[in-house]
Structures are given as C-alpha cells and as structure tokens.
Amino acid sequence: MEHREWDWDIALRNAVQCGILPEQFWDLTPAELNVIIVVYVEKMKDERKSGIIAAFYSAYFSRLKTLSTTDLEKVLKEIDGTTGQEMTDEEMLTVVKQLAKDRG
C-alpha cells in the first residue's frame, strides 16, 4: 500500500463535507477525523440504499391490483429483519464502556 503525506487541505474539505465546522476540525486528531469520515460514508451508503428500496417498493406497490395491509406488513417485517443485530443491555453496556475507554 502506498503511503502519502497528510494533506491538510483535503482533510479539511472532507471534514466540511461531513458537516464539521473548520473551528471543530482543528480540535480533531487525524484518527478522530478518520472515524467521522468512515461513519459519514456508511451513513451516505445507507441513505442511498433506503432511496433505492423506497423506489423499488413504490414501483412494486403501484403494480399491485389491490393493496392490502398484509402486503405492507410483509414488507415491513422483511425490512425489520435486515436492520441489524439486536444487543442485550449487557452487550450494549460493554460496547459503551469500550468506547469510553478508547476515548480516554
């Protein structure tokens, strides 16, 4: 993997694109900025997927001769099944403690 020098102009542009004000940017470490950018990119991917799913179901429902609540419930159950893994209270507490430990 090729290593490049840190480019502060690109870093600032990426931060602003993520919604960070320039004043906030200068208080971040490169590692913190990287986490923010990774989360932002994932959020943007999720939003694009949501838009595609909405368009798909809009087309799907418009093609049905009759639309019943059963059709909608089926779709919502499928979506709920793909939203992620549920955690117990203990698992969530462990994650929060680890995040707090990592942040210092």
C-alpha atoms as a PDB file:
ATOM      1  CA  MET A   1       0.000   0.000   0.000  1.00  0.00           C
ATOM      2  CA  GLU A   2       1.354   3.386  -0.994  1.00  0.00           C
ATOM      3  CA  HIS A   3       1.805   5.910   1.811  1.00  0.00           C
ATOM      4  CA  ARG A   4       1.126   9.550   1.041  1.00  0.00           C
ATOM      5  CA  GLU A   5       1.823  12.605   3.105  1.00  0.00           C
ATOM      6  CA  TRP A   6      -1.064  14.012   5.107  1.00  0.00           C
ATOM      7  CA  ASP A   7      -2.805  16.702   3.064  1.00  0.00           C
ATOM      8  CA  TRP A   8      -4.470  19.195   5.418  1.00  0.00           C
ATOM      9  CA  ASP A   9      -6.455  20.863   2.617  1.00  0.00           C
ATOM     10  CA  ILE A  10      -8.035  17.565   1.575  1.00  0.00           C
ATOM     11  CA  ALA A  11      -8.637  16.656   5.215  1.00  0.00           C
ATOM     12  CA  LEU A  12     -10.393  19.980   5.846  1.00  0.00           C
ATOM     13  CA  ARG A  13     -12.544  19.590   2.708  1.00  0.00           C
ATOM     14  CA  ASN A  14     -13.542  16.078   3.782  1.00  0.00           C
ATOM     15  CA  ALA A  15     -14.382  17.315   7.275  1.00  0.00           C
ATOM     16  CA  VAL A  16     -16.561  20.132   5.945  1.00  0.00           C
ATOM     17  CA  GLN A  17     -18.311  17.664   3.645  1.00  0.00           C
ATOM     18  CA  CYS A  18     -19.117  15.602   6.767  1.00  0.00           C
ATOM     19  CA  GLY A  19     -20.674  18.662   8.414  1.00  0.00           C
ATOM     20  CA  ILE A  20     -17.750  19.628  10.637  1.00  0.00           C
ATOM     21  CA  LEU A  21     -17.046  23.335  11.007  1.00  0.00           C
ATOM     22  CA  PRO A  22     -13.445  24.434  10.369  1.00  0.00           C
ATOM     23  CA  GLU A  23     -13.161  25.518  14.018  1.00  0.00           C
ATOM     24  CA  GLN A  24     -14.127  21.992  15.108  1.00  0.00           C
ATOM     25  CA  PHE A  25     -11.789  20.408  12.571  1.00  0.00           C
ATOM     26  CA  TRP A  26      -8.672  21.821  14.201  1.00  0.00           C
ATOM     27  CA  ASP A  27      -9.614  20.212  17.531  1.00  0.00           C
ATOM     28  CA  LEU A  28      -9.709  16.717  15.987  1.00  0.00           C
ATOM     29  CA  THR A  29      -6.880  14.241  15.683  1.00  0.00           C
ATOM     30  CA  PRO A  30      -6.405  12.552  12.299  1.00  0.00           C
ATOM     31  CA  ALA A  31      -7.699   9.305  13.855  1.00  0.00           C
ATOM     32  CA  GLU A  32     -10.883  11.015  15.083  1.00  0.00           C
ATOM     33  CA  LEU A  33     -11.402  12.628  11.699  1.00  0.00           C
ATOM     34  CA  ASN A  34     -10.982   9.257  10.029  1.00  0.00           C
ATOM     35  CA  VAL A  35     -13.688   7.723  12.239  1.00  0.00           C
ATOM     36  CA  ILE A  36     -16.061  10.588  11.420  1.00  0.00           C
ATOM     37  CA  ILE A  37     -15.417  10.186   7.685  1.00  0.00           C
ATOM     38  CA  VAL A  38     -15.936   6.400   7.803  1.00  0.00           C
ATOM     39  CA  VAL A  39     -19.231   6.836   9.680  1.00  0.00           C
ATOM     40  CA  TYR A  40     -20.333   9.552   7.234  1.00  0.00           C
ATOM     41  CA  VAL A  41     -19.591   7.339   4.221  1.00  0.00           C
ATOM     42  CA  GLU A  42     -21.543   4.454   5.767  1.00  0.00           C
ATOM     43  CA  LYS A  43     -24.454   6.791   6.503  1.00  0.00           C
ATOM     44  CA  MET A  44     -24.462   8.005   2.905  1.00  0.00           C
ATOM     45  CA  LYS A  45     -24.465   4.399   1.643  1.00  0.00           C
ATOM     46  CA  ASP A  46     -27.407   3.593   3.922  1.00  0.00           C
ATOM     47  CA  GLU A  47     -29.308   6.645   2.662  1.00  0.00           C
ATOM     48  CA  ARG A  48     -28.713   5.608  -0.963  1.00  0.00           C
ATOM     49  CA  LYS A  49     -29.899   2.082  -0.178  1.00  0.00           C
ATOM     50  CA  SER A  50     -33.006   3.493   1.505  1.00  0.00           C
ATOM     51  CA  GLY A  51     -33.787   5.570  -1.568  1.00  0.00           C
ATOM     52  CA  ILE A  52     -33.378   2.571  -3.854  1.00  0.00           C
ATOM     53  CA  ILE A  53     -35.561   0.427  -1.603  1.00  0.00           C
ATOM     54  CA  ALA A  54     -38.235   3.137  -1.486  1.00  0.00           C
ATOM     55  CA  ALA A  55     -38.232   3.390  -5.284  1.00  0.00           C
ATOM     56  CA  PHE A  56     -38.426  -0.383  -5.619  1.00  0.00           C
ATOM     57  CA  TYR A  57     -41.375  -0.736  -3.267  1.00  0.00           C
ATOM     58  CA  SER A  58     -43.111   2.246  -4.807  1.00  0.00           C
ATOM     59  CA  ALA A  59     -42.932   0.514  -8.183  1.00  0.00           C
ATOM     60  CA  TYR A  60     -43.932  -2.803  -6.585  1.00  0.00           C
ATOM     61  CA  PHE A  61     -47.000  -1.375  -4.867  1.00  0.00           C
ATOM     62  CA  SER A  62     -48.071   0.584  -7.939  1.00  0.00           C
ATOM     63  CA  ARG A  63     -48.206  -2.662  -9.933  1.00  0.00           C
ATOM     64  CA  LEU A  64     -50.468  -4.485  -7.482  1.00  0.00           C
ATOM     65  CA  LYS A  65     -54.113  -4.740  -8.495  1.00  0.00           C
ATOM     66  CA  THR A  66     -55.182  -4.447  -4.882  1.00  0.00           C
ATOM     67  CA  LEU A  67     -53.094  -3.393  -1.961  1.00  0.00           C
ATOM     68  CA  SER A  68     -53.786  -4.945   1.396  1.00  0.00           C
ATOM     69  CA  THR A  69     -52.320  -4.282   4.799  1.00  0.00           C
ATOM     70  CA  THR A  70     -50.907  -7.816   4.641  1.00  0.00           C
ATOM     71  CA  ASP A  71     -48.675  -6.751   1.738  1.00  0.00           C
ATOM     72  CA  LEU A  72     -47.387  -3.794   3.705  1.00  0.00           C
ATOM     73  CA  GLU A  73     -46.876  -5.831   6.890  1.00  0.00           C
ATOM     74  CA  LYS A  74     -44.875  -8.411   4.930  1.00  0.00           C
ATOM     75  CA  VAL A  75     -42.575  -5.717   3.515  1.00  0.00           C
ATOM     76  CA  LEU A  76     -42.106  -4.061   6.909  1.00  0.00           C
ATOM     77  CA  LYS A  77     -41.221  -7.397   8.535  1.00  0.00           C
ATOM     78  CA  GLU A  78     -38.618  -8.017   5.826  1.00  0.00           C
ATOM     79  CA  ILE A  79     -37.131  -4.578   6.410  1.00  0.00           C
ATOM     80  CA  ASP A  80     -37.116  -5.021  10.188  1.00  0.00           C
ATOM     81  CA  GLY A  81     -35.265  -8.296   9.743  1.00  0.00           C
ATOM     82  CA  THR A  82     -32.413  -6.574   7.901  1.00  0.00           C
ATOM     83  CA  THR A  83     -31.869  -3.535  10.139  1.00  0.00           C
ATOM     84  CA  GLY A  84     -29.078  -5.086  12.175  1.00  0.00           C
ATOM     85  CA  GLN A  85     -28.265  -7.164  15.163  1.00  0.00           C
ATOM     86  CA  GLU A  86     -30.060  -6.583  18.434  1.00  0.00           C
ATOM     87  CA  MET A  87     -27.963  -6.361  21.595  1.00  0.00           C
ATOM     88  CA  THR A  88     -28.771  -7.194  25.153  1.00  0.00           C
ATOM     89  CA  ASP A  89     -28.388  -4.480  27.775  1.00  0.00           C
ATOM     90  CA  GLU A  90     -25.174  -6.120  28.961  1.00  0.00           C
ATOM     91  CA  GLU A  91     -23.703  -6.236  25.435  1.00  0.00           C
ATOM     92  CA  MET A  92     -24.599  -2.594  24.866  1.00  0.00           C
ATOM     93  CA  LEU A  93     -23.010  -1.588  28.181  1.00  0.00           C
ATOM     94  CA  THR A  94     -19.829  -3.457  27.236  1.00  0.00           C
ATOM     95  CA  VAL A  95     -19.645  -1.619  23.912  1.00  0.00           C
ATOM     96  CA  VAL A  96     -20.227   1.765  25.582  1.00  0.00           C
ATOM     97  CA  LYS A  97     -17.527   1.029  28.184  1.00  0.00           C
ATOM     98  CA  GLN A  98     -15.076   0.068  25.437  1.00  0.00           C
ATOM     99  CA  LEU A  99     -15.844   3.254  23.506  1.00  0.00           C
ATOM    100  CA  ALA A 100     -15.331   5.337  26.647  1.00  0.00           C
ATOM    101  CA  LYS A 101     -12.056   3.526  27.350  1.00  0.00           C
ATOM    102  CA  ASP A 102     -10.862   4.114  23.774  1.00  0.00           C
ATOM    103  CA  ARG A 103     -11.684   7.822  24.017  1.00  0.00           C
ATOM    104  CA  GLY A 104      -9.731   8.129  27.265  1.00  0.00           C
END
